[in-house]
Amino acid sequence: MARREVVEIICDRCKRVETQSPSSVPDKEKVAQELLIDFHGKKVVYEDLCRKCRKTVGNYYDKITKAPEEEEVQVKKPEDGPSPSPEPAPKGGLFRRSKATG
C-alpha cells in the first residue's frame, strides 16, 4: 500500500479547500503569512493560498512592482489648410417619400 503525506489548507482568499504536498506549503515556523500588504493603513493578510490564488496574487505582484514603460505619444499633425466641411443634408431630410406612393 502506498502512502503519501498531504496538508489540507483552506484558502484565505477564495475559501477553497485544497490538499497540497508538504513541500509546497510554506513552513509556518519560518513564514508567518504568504502575503502581507499594508497600504495607507489598509491591511491584507493571507496565511494560506490555494494554487490558483497563489498564481493570481503572484501575477498582481509582478504587475504592481514592474516599472512602468514609457510610451511615446504620437501627436497628429494638422493637414495643410482648413479641414473640409461635411456636405449638407439634402433639402427635406435624408428620407423623402416619392410622389408616386404619396
Protein backbone atom coordinates (compact mmCIF):
# COMPACT_ATOMS: atom_id res chain seq x y z
CA MET A 1 0.00 0.00 0.00
CA ALA A 2 1.38 3.43 -0.96
CA ARG A 3 1.05 6.34 1.41
CA ARG A 4 1.74 9.99 0.99
CA GLU A 5 1.51 12.84 3.46
CA VAL A 6 -0.56 15.84 2.40
CA VAL A 7 -1.53 19.11 4.00
CA GLU A 8 -5.10 20.34 3.74
CA ILE A 9 -5.46 24.10 3.54
CA ILE A 10 -8.42 26.43 3.34
CA CYS A 11 -7.54 29.34 1.08
CA ASP A 12 -7.84 32.67 2.89
CA ARG A 13 -8.73 34.43 -0.37
CA CYS A 14 -11.33 32.18 -2.05
CA LYS A 15 -12.13 29.68 0.78
CA ARG A 16 -11.32 26.69 -1.48
CA VAL A 17 -10.26 23.55 0.39
CA GLU A 18 -7.20 22.00 -1.21
CA THR A 19 -4.68 19.32 -0.39
CA GLN A 20 -1.06 20.13 -1.12
CA SER A 21 2.22 18.36 -0.64
CA PRO A 22 4.08 19.48 2.48
CA SER A 23 6.96 20.80 0.37
CA SER A 24 4.70 23.28 -1.48
CA VAL A 25 3.24 24.77 1.70
CA PRO A 26 5.42 27.41 3.45
CA ASP A 27 6.62 26.35 6.90
CA LYS A 28 4.56 28.30 9.45
CA GLU A 29 7.53 28.50 11.80
CA LYS A 30 9.63 30.29 9.16
CA VAL A 31 6.92 32.30 7.39
CA ALA A 32 4.02 33.78 9.35
CA GLN A 33 1.99 34.66 6.24
CA GLU A 34 2.18 34.13 2.48
CA LEU A 35 1.14 37.70 1.71
CA LEU A 36 1.08 40.86 3.81
CA ILE A 37 0.12 44.22 2.30
CA ASP A 38 -0.08 47.41 4.35
CA PHE A 39 -1.02 50.29 2.07
CA HIS A 40 -2.01 53.59 3.69
CA GLY A 41 -3.50 51.83 6.69
CA LYS A 42 -5.38 49.20 4.64
CA LYS A 43 -4.08 45.75 5.51
CA VAL A 44 -4.44 42.47 3.66
CA VAL A 45 -3.01 39.29 5.16
CA TYR A 46 -3.22 35.84 3.60
CA GLU A 47 -1.73 32.96 5.57
CA ASP A 48 -2.78 30.15 3.22
CA LEU A 49 -3.41 30.38 -0.51
CA CYS A 50 -4.54 27.69 -2.95
CA ARG A 51 -2.55 27.13 -6.15
CA LYS A 52 -4.90 29.28 -8.26
CA CYS A 53 -4.88 32.23 -5.84
CA ARG A 54 -1.11 31.95 -5.34
CA LYS A 55 -0.66 32.29 -9.12
CA THR A 56 -3.16 35.18 -9.32
CA VAL A 57 -1.57 37.06 -6.43
CA GLY A 58 1.87 36.44 -7.98
CA ASN A 59 0.68 37.98 -11.26
CA TYR A 60 -0.72 41.02 -9.40
CA TYR A 61 2.58 41.38 -7.59
CA ASP A 62 4.53 41.26 -10.85
CA LYS A 63 2.28 43.96 -12.35
CA ILE A 64 2.45 46.41 -9.46
CA THR A 65 6.19 46.04 -8.89
CA LYS A 66 7.11 46.35 -12.57
CA ALA A 67 8.40 49.77 -13.58
CA PRO A 68 6.01 51.48 -15.98
CA GLU A 69 7.19 51.56 -19.56
CA GLU A 70 7.48 54.91 -21.20
CA GLU A 71 5.21 55.14 -24.17
CA GLU A 72 5.84 57.63 -26.90
CA VAL A 73 2.74 59.66 -27.54
CA GLN A 74 2.34 60.40 -31.21
CA VAL A 75 0.62 63.69 -31.90
CA LYS A 76 -1.24 64.01 -35.18
CA LYS A 77 -0.11 66.98 -37.16
CA PRO A 78 -2.89 69.01 -38.74
CA GLU A 79 -3.11 68.74 -42.52
CA ASP A 80 -2.19 71.73 -44.64
CA GLY A 81 -5.10 74.14 -45.00
CA PRO A 82 -8.53 74.06 -43.39
CA SER A 83 -10.30 70.77 -42.94
CA PRO A 84 -13.06 70.07 -45.44
CA SER A 85 -16.55 70.76 -44.14
CA PRO A 86 -19.14 67.99 -44.34
CA GLU A 87 -21.69 68.09 -47.13
CA PRO A 88 -25.08 69.49 -46.06
CA ALA A 89 -28.02 67.11 -45.79
CA PRO A 90 -30.38 67.13 -48.77
CA LYS A 91 -33.33 69.51 -48.57
CA GLY A 92 -36.31 67.84 -46.98
CA GLY A 93 -34.22 65.45 -44.88
CA LEU A 94 -32.43 62.24 -45.68
CA PHE A 95 -35.55 60.20 -46.40
CA ARG A 96 -38.06 61.51 -48.92
CA ARG A 97 -41.30 60.00 -49.94
CA SER A 98 -41.71 59.51 -53.62
CA LYS A 99 -44.61 61.35 -55.18
CA ALA A 100 -45.96 58.10 -56.61
CA THR A 101 -46.55 56.46 -53.19
CA GLY A 102 -47.89 59.61 -51.59
